[in-house]
């Protein structure tokens, strides 16, 4: 996970994340990673519209968002 987070910071990638919340619920969020620490990371959460801190151990999956341009013919 840490390598994907570091790469997202370095290249400015947006990620789709499956996250285990404190209450045990699982949420899907789109995040832009701002800073990675030892056990947590800071990111802009597009779902909540604000900066949030996430625990790395609670991340279940990370997938880069691939934006494709559509050609109009």
N, C-alpha and C. Protein backbone atom coordinates (compact mmCIF):
# COMPACT_ATOMS: atom_id res chain seq x y z
N UNK A 1 0.81 -1.20 0.00
CA UNK A 1 0.00 0.00 0.00
C UNK A 1 0.86 1.26 0.00
N UNK A 2 1.90 1.24 0.81
CA UNK A 2 2.73 2.44 0.95
C UNK A 2 3.32 2.87 -0.40
N UNK A 3 3.73 1.90 -1.23
CA UNK A 3 4.31 2.25 -2.54
C UNK A 3 3.29 2.95 -3.42
N UNK A 4 2.04 2.47 -3.40
CA UNK A 4 0.99 3.11 -4.20
C UNK A 4 0.71 4.52 -3.70
N UNK A 5 0.73 4.69 -2.38
CA UNK A 5 0.49 6.01 -1.81
C UNK A 5 1.62 6.98 -2.16
N UNK A 6 2.87 6.50 -2.03
CA UNK A 6 4.02 7.35 -2.38
C UNK A 6 3.99 7.73 -3.85
N UNK A 7 3.62 6.80 -4.70
CA UNK A 7 3.55 7.08 -6.13
C UNK A 7 2.45 8.10 -6.43
N UNK A 8 1.32 7.98 -5.74
CA UNK A 8 0.22 8.93 -5.94
C UNK A 8 0.63 10.34 -5.56
N UNK A 9 1.42 10.48 -4.50
CA UNK A 9 1.91 11.80 -4.10
C UNK A 9 2.88 12.34 -5.15
N UNK A 10 3.81 11.49 -5.56
CA UNK A 10 4.85 11.91 -6.51
C UNK A 10 4.27 12.34 -7.85
N UNK A 11 3.30 11.58 -8.38
CA UNK A 11 2.77 11.86 -9.72
C UNK A 11 1.41 12.55 -9.72
N UNK A 12 0.87 12.87 -8.55
CA UNK A 12 -0.40 13.56 -8.48
C UNK A 12 -1.58 12.72 -8.94
N UNK A 13 -1.51 11.42 -8.70
CA UNK A 13 -2.59 10.52 -9.13
C UNK A 13 -3.78 10.59 -8.18
N UNK A 14 -4.96 10.37 -8.74
CA UNK A 14 -6.18 10.22 -7.95
C UNK A 14 -6.44 8.73 -7.81
N UNK A 15 -6.85 8.31 -6.61
CA UNK A 15 -7.05 6.89 -6.33
C UNK A 15 -8.48 6.61 -5.89
N UNK A 16 -8.99 5.44 -6.28
CA UNK A 16 -10.22 4.90 -5.71
C UNK A 16 -9.80 3.99 -4.57
N UNK A 17 -10.44 4.13 -3.43
CA UNK A 17 -10.01 3.41 -2.23
C UNK A 17 -11.20 2.74 -1.56
N UNK A 18 -11.01 1.51 -1.14
CA UNK A 18 -11.96 0.82 -0.26
C UNK A 18 -11.38 0.94 1.13
N UNK A 19 -12.17 1.46 2.08
CA UNK A 19 -11.64 1.82 3.39
C UNK A 19 -12.54 1.27 4.49
N UNK A 20 -11.92 0.71 5.52
CA UNK A 20 -12.63 0.21 6.69
C UNK A 20 -12.69 1.32 7.73
N UNK A 21 -13.89 1.83 8.00
CA UNK A 21 -14.07 2.93 8.94
C UNK A 21 -14.00 2.44 10.39
N UNK A 22 -13.94 3.39 11.32
CA UNK A 22 -13.86 3.06 12.75
C UNK A 22 -15.04 2.21 13.22
N UNK A 23 -16.22 2.48 12.67
CA UNK A 23 -17.42 1.75 13.09
C UNK A 23 -17.57 0.38 12.42
N UNK A 24 -16.61 0.00 11.59
CA UNK A 24 -16.63 -1.30 10.94
C UNK A 24 -17.27 -1.31 9.57
N UNK A 25 -17.80 -0.18 9.13
CA UNK A 25 -18.40 -0.11 7.80
C UNK A 25 -17.31 0.07 6.74
N UNK A 26 -17.61 -0.39 5.54
CA UNK A 26 -16.66 -0.28 4.43
C UNK A 26 -17.19 0.78 3.46
N UNK A 27 -16.33 1.73 3.12
CA UNK A 27 -16.73 2.79 2.20
C UNK A 27 -15.79 2.83 1.00
N UNK A 28 -16.34 3.28 -0.12
CA UNK A 28 -15.53 3.50 -1.32
C UNK A 28 -15.36 5.00 -1.46
N UNK A 29 -14.12 5.44 -1.57
CA UNK A 29 -13.82 6.87 -1.66
C UNK A 29 -12.84 7.14 -2.79
N UNK A 30 -12.96 8.31 -3.37
CA UNK A 30 -11.98 8.78 -4.35
C UNK A 30 -11.14 9.83 -3.64
N UNK A 31 -9.83 9.61 -3.61
CA UNK A 31 -8.95 10.49 -2.85
C UNK A 31 -7.77 10.96 -3.69
N UNK A 32 -7.27 12.14 -3.34
CA UNK A 32 -6.03 12.68 -3.88
C UNK A 32 -5.07 12.78 -2.71
N UNK A 33 -4.03 11.96 -2.72
CA UNK A 33 -3.11 11.86 -1.59
C UNK A 33 -2.22 13.09 -1.53
N UNK A 34 -2.12 13.68 -0.34
CA UNK A 34 -1.33 14.89 -0.14
C UNK A 34 -0.03 14.62 0.58
N UNK A 35 -0.06 13.71 1.57
CA UNK A 35 1.11 13.47 2.42
C UNK A 35 1.00 12.08 3.03
N UNK A 36 2.13 11.36 3.10
CA UNK A 36 2.15 10.01 3.68
C UNK A 36 3.04 10.03 4.91
N UNK A 37 2.52 9.51 6.03
CA UNK A 37 3.27 9.41 7.27
C UNK A 37 3.62 7.96 7.58
N UNK A 38 4.00 7.70 8.83
CA UNK A 38 4.38 6.34 9.24
C UNK A 38 3.19 5.38 9.24
N UNK A 39 2.09 5.78 9.87
CA UNK A 39 0.95 4.88 9.99
C UNK A 39 -0.33 5.44 9.38
N UNK A 40 -0.26 6.67 8.86
CA UNK A 40 -1.45 7.29 8.27
C UNK A 40 -1.05 8.16 7.09
N UNK A 41 -2.07 8.62 6.37
CA UNK A 41 -1.81 9.54 5.27
C UNK A 41 -2.92 10.58 5.22
N UNK A 42 -2.58 11.72 4.67
CA UNK A 42 -3.50 12.85 4.53
C UNK A 42 -3.90 12.93 3.07
N UNK A 43 -5.19 13.08 2.83
CA UNK A 43 -5.68 13.12 1.45
C UNK A 43 -6.92 14.00 1.36
N UNK A 44 -7.16 14.51 0.15
CA UNK A 44 -8.41 15.20 -0.12
C UNK A 44 -9.43 14.14 -0.51
N UNK A 45 -10.52 14.05 0.25
CA UNK A 45 -11.57 13.07 -0.01
C UNK A 45 -12.63 13.73 -0.90
N UNK A 46 -12.82 13.22 -2.09
CA UNK A 46 -13.79 13.78 -3.03
C UNK A 46 -15.22 13.49 -2.58
N UNK A 47 -15.43 12.41 -1.82
CA UNK A 47 -16.76 12.07 -1.30
C UNK A 47 -17.22 13.11 -0.28
N UNK A 48 -16.35 13.48 0.65
CA UNK A 48 -16.69 14.43 1.71
C UNK A 48 -16.38 15.88 1.35
N UNK A 49 -15.53 16.07 0.33
CA UNK A 49 -15.19 17.42 -0.10
C UNK A 49 -14.28 18.15 0.86
N UNK A 50 -13.42 17.39 1.56
CA UNK A 50 -12.50 18.02 2.50
C UNK A 50 -11.26 17.15 2.69
N UNK A 51 -10.26 17.72 3.35
CA UNK A 51 -9.04 16.96 3.65
C UNK A 51 -9.30 16.06 4.85
N UNK A 52 -8.85 14.80 4.74
CA UNK A 52 -9.05 13.82 5.78
C UNK A 52 -7.76 13.08 6.06
N UNK A 53 -7.65 12.48 7.25
CA UNK A 53 -6.54 11.62 7.61
C UNK A 53 -7.04 10.19 7.67
N UNK A 54 -6.33 9.29 6.98
CA UNK A 54 -6.71 7.88 6.91
C UNK A 54 -5.59 7.02 7.50
N UNK A 55 -5.97 5.93 8.17
CA UNK A 55 -5.01 4.98 8.72
C UNK A 55 -4.66 3.98 7.61
N UNK A 56 -3.37 3.81 7.35
CA UNK A 56 -2.93 2.95 6.25
C UNK A 56 -3.40 1.51 6.44
N UNK A 57 -3.39 1.01 7.69
CA UNK A 57 -3.81 -0.37 7.95
C UNK A 57 -5.29 -0.60 7.67
N UNK A 58 -6.10 0.45 7.60
CA UNK A 58 -7.53 0.31 7.33
C UNK A 58 -7.87 0.37 5.85
N UNK A 59 -6.88 0.58 5.00
CA UNK A 59 -7.10 0.60 3.55
C UNK A 59 -7.17 -0.84 3.06
N UNK A 60 -8.29 -1.18 2.43
CA UNK A 60 -8.48 -2.54 1.92
C UNK A 60 -7.99 -2.68 0.48
N UNK A 61 -8.14 -1.63 -0.32
CA UNK A 61 -7.71 -1.67 -1.73
C UNK A 61 -7.49 -0.26 -2.24
N UNK A 62 -6.52 -0.13 -3.14
CA UNK A 62 -6.23 1.14 -3.82
C UNK A 62 -6.09 0.88 -5.31
N UNK A 63 -6.80 1.67 -6.12
CA UNK A 63 -6.73 1.53 -7.57
C UNK A 63 -6.61 2.92 -8.17
N UNK A 64 -5.60 3.15 -9.02
CA UNK A 64 -5.49 4.46 -9.67
C UNK A 64 -6.67 4.72 -10.60
N UNK A 65 -7.12 5.95 -10.62
CA UNK A 65 -8.21 6.35 -11.52
C UNK A 65 -7.59 6.68 -12.87
N UNK A 66 -8.06 6.03 -13.90
CA UNK A 66 -7.55 6.27 -15.26
C UNK A 66 -8.58 7.08 -16.00
N UNK A 67 -8.19 8.28 -16.34
CA UNK A 67 -9.10 9.16 -17.09
C UNK A 67 -8.71 9.10 -18.55
N UNK A 68 -9.65 8.76 -19.37
CA UNK A 68 -9.40 8.65 -20.79
C UNK A 68 -10.11 9.77 -21.54
N UNK A 69 -9.46 10.27 -22.53
CA UNK A 69 -10.10 11.29 -23.36
C UNK A 69 -10.99 10.60 -24.37
N UNK A 70 -12.14 11.18 -24.58
CA UNK A 70 -13.05 10.60 -25.58
C UNK A 70 -13.01 11.46 -26.84
N UNK A 71 -12.85 10.79 -27.93
CA UNK A 71 -12.79 11.50 -29.21
C UNK A 71 -14.21 11.70 -29.75
N UNK A 72 -14.48 12.90 -30.19
CA UNK A 72 -15.77 13.20 -30.79
C UNK A 72 -15.57 13.20 -32.29
N UNK A 73 -16.34 12.36 -32.95
CA UNK A 73 -16.19 12.24 -34.40
C UNK A 73 -17.41 12.82 -35.09
